[in-house]
């Protein structure tokens, strides 16, 4: 009886193994087939994207419901040393390309979507109806292209990467209550092309298109940058460059209820048509300080920058008022002292004059002759 039961158990185990093996093989074959299809079509699948994201986990997704968040817009000058890694090489050298050339080729290949710049708000608009087609962009900026079947071909020498020396970046700083961490990351990118020519003396920069950073970060992870003029072996990926905030840019706009740029807000507060550079710089420094104060006091008593500014202004006004009162008081005492001094001088002068006149009088007696 024991032998019979052991034989039955052996048969059942073999049947289970035989039935399970083909299913595993089919799944494996399907995965291989999908991978082969990806290689033939030259497109990026979700699996490839996931692998790249796991290899470069520096970028953190912005949560949908942070308890604190502030969006600011910066203007990056690629000719400055801090941002030069994004501008060079101007012409593609093998696999080495600059940021604009990479975005241009990805857009031409249809791997990433691009969106038009909203001239009314000066911001991005990621609605599907605002999509920008590659051919339309080439025609808008007079970029030479050739149509070959269903594809558009642009030679590397015709890519206007030399004219793109400025980028707009939308930066989002937020506090994630789920992980109790503070982050600052790029949300969107926008290249600006220089439209001035040899016959124009004024610089004219035009925003070309906006791209979501989430759409391009996988491709940025695979392109390395040289980040040092002294050590040419020092390199990092474009994604790391943005994720670690290696860039430097001036604030030109913040997300606000009025939908105004920083220059417009400064002009309104100063009640002038064209704000001075010093006024704009002070506003930029104030915003930077507000961001720094929040980050530094996250774990201690939070600082309300608006309340702090009001407190500082009240203290400054009280100090100025105190100085004015002290000056008035000193002026009054000075006047009193001066009046008493003048009175004293008059008294002294009159007494001296009377004294001198009395000493000058001589009693003369007439004598009879």
Protein backbone atom coordinates (compact mmCIF):
# COMPACT_ATOMS: atom_id res chain seq x y z
CA UNK A 1 0.00 0.00 0.00
CA UNK A 2 2.87 2.37 0.84
CA UNK A 3 4.54 1.74 -2.48
CA UNK A 4 1.31 2.46 -4.30
CA UNK A 5 0.84 5.79 -2.49
CA UNK A 6 4.43 6.80 -3.21
CA UNK A 7 3.94 5.94 -6.88
CA UNK A 8 0.78 8.07 -7.05
CA UNK A 9 2.57 11.00 -5.38
CA UNK A 10 5.46 10.69 -7.82
CA UNK A 11 3.11 10.73 -10.81
CA UNK A 12 1.26 13.81 -9.50
CA UNK A 13 4.52 15.73 -8.98
CA UNK A 14 5.70 14.91 -12.51
CA UNK A 15 2.41 16.06 -14.01
CA UNK A 16 2.61 19.37 -12.14
CA UNK A 17 6.19 19.97 -13.28
CA UNK A 18 5.41 19.12 -16.91
CA UNK A 19 2.38 21.45 -16.99
CA UNK A 20 4.23 24.30 -15.31
CA UNK A 21 7.30 24.26 -17.56
CA UNK A 22 5.64 25.16 -20.89
CA UNK A 23 3.78 28.06 -19.23
CA UNK A 24 7.04 29.51 -17.99
CA UNK A 25 8.61 29.02 -21.38
CA UNK A 26 5.70 30.75 -23.08
CA UNK A 27 6.02 33.75 -20.78
CA UNK A 28 9.75 33.82 -21.43
CA UNK A 29 9.23 33.60 -25.17
CA UNK A 30 6.67 36.38 -25.08
CA UNK A 31 9.09 38.61 -23.21
CA UNK A 32 11.83 37.83 -25.73
CA UNK A 33 9.42 38.53 -28.57
CA UNK A 34 8.49 41.90 -27.08
CA UNK A 35 12.13 42.77 -26.62
CA UNK A 36 12.87 41.82 -30.22
CA UNK A 37 9.96 43.93 -31.43
CA UNK A 38 11.35 46.87 -29.48
CA UNK A 39 14.75 46.47 -31.12
CA UNK A 40 13.26 46.24 -34.63
CA UNK A 41 11.03 49.27 -34.30
CA UNK A 42 13.57 51.36 -32.42
CA UNK A 43 10.98 52.59 -29.93
CA UNK A 44 11.21 52.77 -26.16
CA UNK A 45 8.97 50.41 -24.21
CA UNK A 46 7.71 50.71 -20.67
CA UNK A 47 10.10 47.96 -19.58
CA UNK A 48 13.09 49.87 -20.98
CA UNK A 49 11.92 53.04 -19.33
CA UNK A 50 11.49 51.25 -16.02
CA UNK A 51 14.99 49.79 -16.21
CA UNK A 52 16.47 53.22 -16.93
CA UNK A 53 14.50 54.72 -14.06
CA UNK A 54 15.83 52.06 -11.68
CA UNK A 55 19.39 52.70 -12.83
CA UNK A 56 19.02 56.45 -12.26
CA UNK A 57 16.72 56.89 -9.23
CA UNK A 58 17.78 60.48 -8.42
CA UNK A 59 14.60 62.11 -9.76
CA UNK A 60 11.69 62.10 -7.33
CA UNK A 61 8.12 62.53 -8.52
CA UNK A 62 6.27 65.52 -7.10
CA UNK A 63 3.37 64.29 -4.93
CA UNK A 64 -0.12 65.37 -5.86
CA UNK A 65 -1.01 66.75 -2.42
CA UNK A 66 2.03 68.32 -0.73
CA UNK A 67 1.29 70.51 2.28
CA UNK A 68 3.74 73.17 1.01
CA UNK A 69 4.88 73.89 -2.53
CA UNK A 70 6.24 76.83 -4.48
CA UNK A 71 6.89 77.00 -8.23
CA UNK A 72 9.44 79.42 -9.59
CA UNK A 73 10.75 80.05 -13.10
CA UNK A 74 14.46 80.56 -13.73
CA UNK A 75 16.38 81.77 -16.74
CA UNK A 76 19.59 79.83 -17.40
CA UNK A 77 22.38 81.53 -19.34
CA UNK A 78 24.26 78.66 -20.96
CA UNK A 79 27.33 80.81 -21.62
CA UNK A 80 28.03 81.06 -17.87
CA UNK A 81 30.51 78.59 -16.40
CA UNK A 82 27.91 76.96 -14.12
CA UNK A 83 25.68 76.08 -17.11
CA UNK A 84 28.27 75.69 -19.88
CA UNK A 85 28.08 71.89 -19.68
CA UNK A 86 24.58 72.12 -21.20
CA UNK A 87 25.78 74.21 -24.17
CA UNK A 88 28.89 72.37 -25.33
CA UNK A 89 29.61 70.76 -27.70
CA UNK A 90 27.73 73.11 -30.01
CA UNK A 91 28.03 70.68 -32.91
CA UNK A 92 27.34 67.00 -32.24
CA UNK A 93 30.55 64.98 -31.82
CA UNK A 94 29.59 61.34 -32.08
CA UNK A 95 27.42 60.49 -29.09
CA UNK A 96 28.27 63.78 -27.36
CA UNK A 97 25.51 66.36 -27.87
CA UNK A 98 24.34 69.37 -25.93
CA UNK A 99 20.94 69.69 -24.27
CA UNK A 100 19.11 71.40 -27.13
CA UNK A 101 20.44 69.00 -29.78
CA UNK A 102 19.27 66.05 -27.68
CA UNK A 103 15.77 67.51 -27.25
CA UNK A 104 15.65 68.43 -30.95
CA UNK A 105 16.48 64.87 -32.07
CA UNK A 106 14.06 63.29 -29.59
CA UNK A 107 11.31 65.56 -30.84
CA UNK A 108 12.14 64.73 -34.46
CA UNK A 109 12.02 61.00 -33.69
CA UNK A 110 8.62 61.39 -32.03
CA UNK A 111 9.90 60.03 -28.71
CA UNK A 112 8.81 63.03 -26.64
CA UNK A 113 5.93 65.50 -27.00
CA UNK A 114 6.49 69.26 -27.15
CA UNK A 115 4.06 72.02 -26.26
CA UNK A 116 3.72 75.62 -27.42
CA UNK A 117 4.75 78.52 -25.25
CA UNK A 118 1.74 80.47 -23.97
CA UNK A 119 2.39 84.10 -24.89
CA UNK A 120 -0.46 85.36 -22.70
CA UNK A 121 0.81 83.87 -19.44
CA UNK A 122 4.46 83.30 -20.33
CA UNK A 123 4.14 79.77 -18.97
CA UNK A 124 3.78 76.20 -20.15
CA UNK A 125 0.50 74.67 -21.29
CA UNK A 126 0.55 70.87 -21.32
CA UNK A 127 -2.90 70.31 -22.77
CA UNK A 128 -3.13 67.96 -25.74
CA UNK A 129 -4.62 70.72 -27.87
CA UNK A 130 -1.44 72.75 -27.35
CA UNK A 131 0.91 70.13 -28.80
CA UNK A 132 3.59 71.43 -31.18
CA UNK A 133 4.48 69.35 -34.22
CA UNK A 134 8.09 69.09 -35.32
CA UNK A 135 7.46 70.30 -38.86
CA UNK A 136 5.57 73.32 -37.56
CA UNK A 137 8.48 74.22 -35.30
CA UNK A 138 10.97 73.97 -38.18
CA UNK A 139 8.84 76.28 -40.30
CA UNK A 140 8.36 78.78 -37.49
CA UNK A 141 12.11 79.20 -37.01
CA UNK A 142 13.28 78.69 -40.62
CA UNK A 143 15.08 75.42 -39.92
CA UNK A 144 15.97 73.62 -43.15
CA UNK A 145 14.57 70.08 -43.38
CA UNK A 146 13.91 67.40 -45.98
CA UNK A 147 10.94 65.07 -46.16
CA UNK A 148 11.82 61.44 -46.87
CA UNK A 149 8.66 59.36 -46.96
CA UNK A 150 7.02 59.66 -43.55
CA UNK A 151 10.10 61.05 -41.85
CA UNK A 152 11.63 64.51 -41.62
CA UNK A 153 15.41 64.70 -41.89
CA UNK A 154 17.49 67.55 -40.49
CA UNK A 155 21.27 67.52 -40.84
CA UNK A 156 23.35 68.16 -37.73
CA UNK A 157 24.76 71.31 -39.30
CA UNK A 158 21.22 72.68 -39.69
CA UNK A 159 20.28 72.23 -36.03
CA UNK A 160 20.38 75.75 -34.53
CA UNK A 161 22.07 74.69 -31.31
CA UNK A 162 24.52 77.62 -31.46
CA UNK A 163 21.61 80.09 -31.33
CA UNK A 164 20.06 78.49 -28.25
CA UNK A 165 22.04 80.05 -25.40
CA UNK A 166 19.20 80.41 -22.91
CA UNK A 167 16.76 78.00 -21.25
CA UNK A 168 13.70 78.58 -19.13
CA UNK A 169 13.26 76.03 -16.35
CA UNK A 170 10.30 75.59 -14.07
CA UNK A 171 11.49 74.56 -10.63
CA UNK A 172 9.19 73.15 -7.98
CA UNK A 173 10.22 73.13 -4.31
CA UNK A 174 7.95 71.23 -1.95
CA UNK A 175 7.68 69.45 1.36
CA UNK A 176 6.52 65.83 1.11
CA UNK A 177 4.63 64.97 4.28
CA UNK A 178 4.52 61.29 3.31
CA UNK A 179 8.30 60.93 3.56
CA UNK A 180 8.95 64.01 5.72
CA UNK A 181 11.49 65.30 3.18
CA UNK A 182 12.11 68.55 1.32
CA UNK A 183 12.84 68.48 -2.42
CA UNK A 184 13.59 70.92 -5.21
CA UNK A 185 13.38 69.59 -8.75
CA UNK A 186 12.86 70.60 -12.37
CA UNK A 187 9.33 70.24 -13.76
CA UNK A 188 9.67 71.62 -17.30
CA UNK A 189 12.27 72.91 -19.79
CA UNK A 190 12.00 75.53 -22.55
CA UNK A 191 14.80 76.49 -25.00
CA UNK A 192 15.01 80.08 -26.24
CA UNK A 193 16.43 80.78 -29.70
CA UNK A 194 18.28 84.00 -30.47
CA UNK A 195 16.46 85.60 -33.43
CA UNK A 196 18.84 88.56 -33.82
CA UNK A 197 21.02 88.71 -36.93
CA UNK A 198 24.04 90.62 -38.17
CA UNK A 199 21.88 93.62 -39.06
CA UNK A 200 20.18 93.81 -35.68
CA UNK A 201 21.80 95.34 -32.60
CA UNK A 202 19.10 94.28 -30.15
CA UNK A 203 18.88 90.76 -28.76
CA UNK A 204 15.59 89.02 -29.52
CA UNK A 205 15.01 85.68 -27.78
CA UNK A 206 11.97 83.58 -28.58
CA UNK A 207 10.74 80.59 -26.49
CA UNK A 208 10.56 77.61 -28.87
CA UNK A 209 8.65 74.92 -26.95
CA UNK A 210 8.11 73.38 -23.52
CA UNK A 211 8.78 69.76 -22.57
CA UNK A 212 7.89 67.92 -19.39
CA UNK A 213 10.94 66.84 -17.45
CA UNK A 214 9.32 63.50 -16.69
CA UNK A 215 9.14 62.83 -20.44
CA UNK A 216 12.86 63.45 -21.01
CA UNK A 217 14.58 62.42 -17.77
CA UNK A 218 15.14 58.82 -18.96
CA UNK A 219 16.99 60.08 -22.04
CA UNK A 220 18.91 62.66 -20.00
CA UNK A 221 20.11 59.83 -17.77
CA UNK A 222 21.92 58.21 -20.70
CA UNK A 223 23.87 61.32 -21.82
CA UNK A 224 26.98 62.33 -19.92
CA UNK A 225 28.34 65.85 -19.44
CA UNK A 226 31.85 67.08 -18.71
CA UNK A 227 31.43 69.29 -15.65
CA UNK A 228 34.99 70.49 -15.03
CA UNK A 229 37.52 72.44 -17.07
CA UNK A 230 40.33 71.24 -14.83
CA UNK A 231 39.45 67.54 -14.62
CA UNK A 232 38.08 66.43 -17.98
CA UNK A 233 37.31 62.98 -16.56
CA UNK A 234 34.75 64.47 -14.16
CA UNK A 235 31.40 63.67 -15.75
CA UNK A 236 27.78 63.25 -14.76
CA UNK A 237 24.55 62.63 -16.59
CA UNK A 238 22.25 65.46 -17.61
CA UNK A 239 19.63 64.11 -15.24
CA UNK A 240 22.07 64.19 -12.32
CA UNK A 241 23.06 67.72 -13.32
CA UNK A 242 19.47 68.90 -12.88
CA UNK A 243 18.55 66.61 -9.99
CA UNK A 244 21.48 67.79 -7.87
CA UNK A 245 20.85 71.47 -8.73
CA UNK A 246 24.22 72.08 -10.40
CA UNK A 247 22.68 74.78 -12.61
CA UNK A 248 22.49 78.50 -11.88
CA UNK A 249 19.64 80.73 -12.99
CA UNK A 250 17.98 84.01 -12.11
CA UNK A 251 14.32 84.05 -11.09
CA UNK A 252 12.17 85.85 -13.63
CA UNK A 253 8.72 84.71 -12.53
CA UNK A 254 6.88 82.89 -9.75
CA UNK A 255 3.49 81.24 -9.72
CA UNK A 256 1.17 83.85 -8.22
CA UNK A 257 -2.52 84.62 -8.13
CA UNK A 258 -2.14 87.67 -10.37
CA UNK A 259 -0.26 85.73 -13.04
CA UNK A 260 2.39 88.45 -13.29
CA UNK A 261 6.09 88.21 -13.96
CA UNK A 262 8.62 89.39 -11.41
CA UNK A 263 9.32 92.55 -13.43
CA UNK A 264 5.60 93.42 -13.51
CA UNK A 265 5.22 92.84 -9.78
CA UNK A 266 8.24 95.02 -9.04
CA UNK A 267 6.94 97.73 -11.37
CA UNK A 268 3.54 97.70 -9.66
CA UNK A 269 5.06 97.92 -6.19
CA UNK A 270 7.46 100.68 -7.22
CA UNK A 271 4.80 102.46 -9.30
CA UNK A 272 7.18 102.90 -12.20
CA UNK A 273 6.98 101.80 -15.81
CA UNK A 274 10.48 100.30 -16.02
CA UNK A 275 11.88 98.97 -12.75
CA UNK A 276 15.54 99.45 -11.99
CA UNK A 277 17.86 96.46 -12.06
CA UNK A 278 18.68 96.92 -8.38
CA UNK A 279 14.98 96.68 -7.47
CA UNK A 280 14.58 93.43 -9.43
CA UNK A 281 17.73 91.99 -7.86
CA UNK A 282 16.42 92.78 -4.39
CA UNK A 283 13.15 91.00 -5.23
CA UNK A 284 15.06 87.95 -6.48
CA UNK A 285 17.16 87.84 -3.32
CA UNK A 286 14.04 88.14 -1.20
CA UNK A 287 12.45 85.12 -2.90
CA UNK A 288 15.67 83.12 -2.56
CA UNK A 289 15.75 83.97 1.14
CA UNK A 290 12.13 82.91 1.60
CA UNK A 291 12.94 79.52 0.06
CA UNK A 292 16.07 79.14 2.17
CA UNK A 293 14.27 80.12 5.37
CA UNK A 294 11.58 77.52 4.83
CA UNK A 295 14.12 74.76 4.12
CA UNK A 296 16.31 75.63 7.11
CA UNK A 297 13.43 75.88 9.58
CA UNK A 298 11.45 72.82 8.48
CA UNK A 299 12.45 70.88 11.59
CA UNK A 300 12.27 73.83 13.98
CA UNK A 301 9.83 76.68 14.39
CA UNK A 302 8.66 77.59 10.87
CA UNK A 303 9.21 81.14 9.69
CA UNK A 304 6.43 83.01 7.95
CA UNK A 305 8.35 85.15 5.49
CA UNK A 306 5.45 87.58 5.02
CA UNK A 307 5.04 88.07 8.76
CA UNK A 308 8.80 88.38 9.15
CA UNK A 309 8.91 91.02 6.42
CA UNK A 310 6.11 92.96 8.12
CA UNK A 311 7.90 92.64 11.45
CA UNK A 312 11.14 93.89 9.95
CA UNK A 313 9.36 96.80 8.26
CA UNK A 314 7.64 97.78 11.53
CA UNK A 315 10.93 97.60 13.40
CA UNK A 316 12.64 99.67 10.72
CA UNK A 317 9.84 102.25 10.83
CA UNK A 318 10.01 102.42 14.64
CA UNK A 319 13.78 102.88 14.51
CA UNK A 320 13.46 105.62 11.90
CA UNK A 321 10.74 107.30 13.98
CA UNK A 322 12.95 107.11 17.05
CA UNK A 323 15.82 108.71 15.17
CA UNK A 324 13.55 111.49 13.92
CA UNK A 325 12.26 112.17 17.45
CA UNK A 326 15.78 112.12 18.86
CA UNK A 327 16.92 114.48 16.16
CA UNK A 328 14.00 116.81 16.86
CA UNK A 329 14.73 116.71 20.57
CA UNK A 330 18.39 117.39 20.03
CA UNK A 331 17.52 120.20 17.64
CA UNK A 332 15.21 121.76 20.22
CA UNK A 333 17.82 121.55 22.98
CA UNK A 334 20.39 122.94 20.63
CA UNK A 335 18.17 125.85 19.82
CA UNK A 336 17.57 126.53 23.53
CA UNK A 337 21.25 126.35 24.28
CA UNK A 338 21.99 128.58 21.34
CA UNK A 339 19.36 131.10 22.47
CA UNK A 340 20.69 131.12 26.01
CA UNK A 341 24.21 131.45 24.68
CA UNK A 342 23.20 134.39 22.48
CA UNK A 343 21.37 135.97 25.41
CA UNK A 344 24.40 135.49 27.60
CA UNK A 345 26.66 136.96 24.96
CA UNK A 346 24.36 139.97 24.64
CA UNK A 347 24.30 140.37 28.40
CA UNK A 348 28.07 140.17 28.59
CA UNK A 349 28.47 142.60 25.72
CA UNK A 350 26.05 145.10 27.27
CA UNK A 351 27.71 144.85 30.69
CA UNK A 352 31.12 145.24 29.17
CA UNK A 353 29.98 148.22 27.13
CA UNK A 354 28.45 149.83 30.21
CA UNK A 355 31.58 149.15 32.14
CA UNK A 356 33.75 150.64 29.48
CA UNK A 357 31.54 153.72 29.19
CA UNK A 358 31.57 154.28 32.97
CA UNK A 359 35.31 153.98 33.09
CA UNK A 360 35.58 156.46 30.23
CA UNK A 361 33.63 159.21 32.02
CA UNK A 362 35.80 161.71 33.89
CA UNK A 363 34.54 164.17 36.43
CA UNK A 364 35.88 167.63 35.59
CA UNK A 365 35.62 170.45 38.05
CA UNK A 366 35.64 173.94 36.77
CA UNK A 367 37.96 176.24 38.48
CA UNK A 368 37.41 179.85 38.82
CA UNK A 369 40.10 182.08 37.65
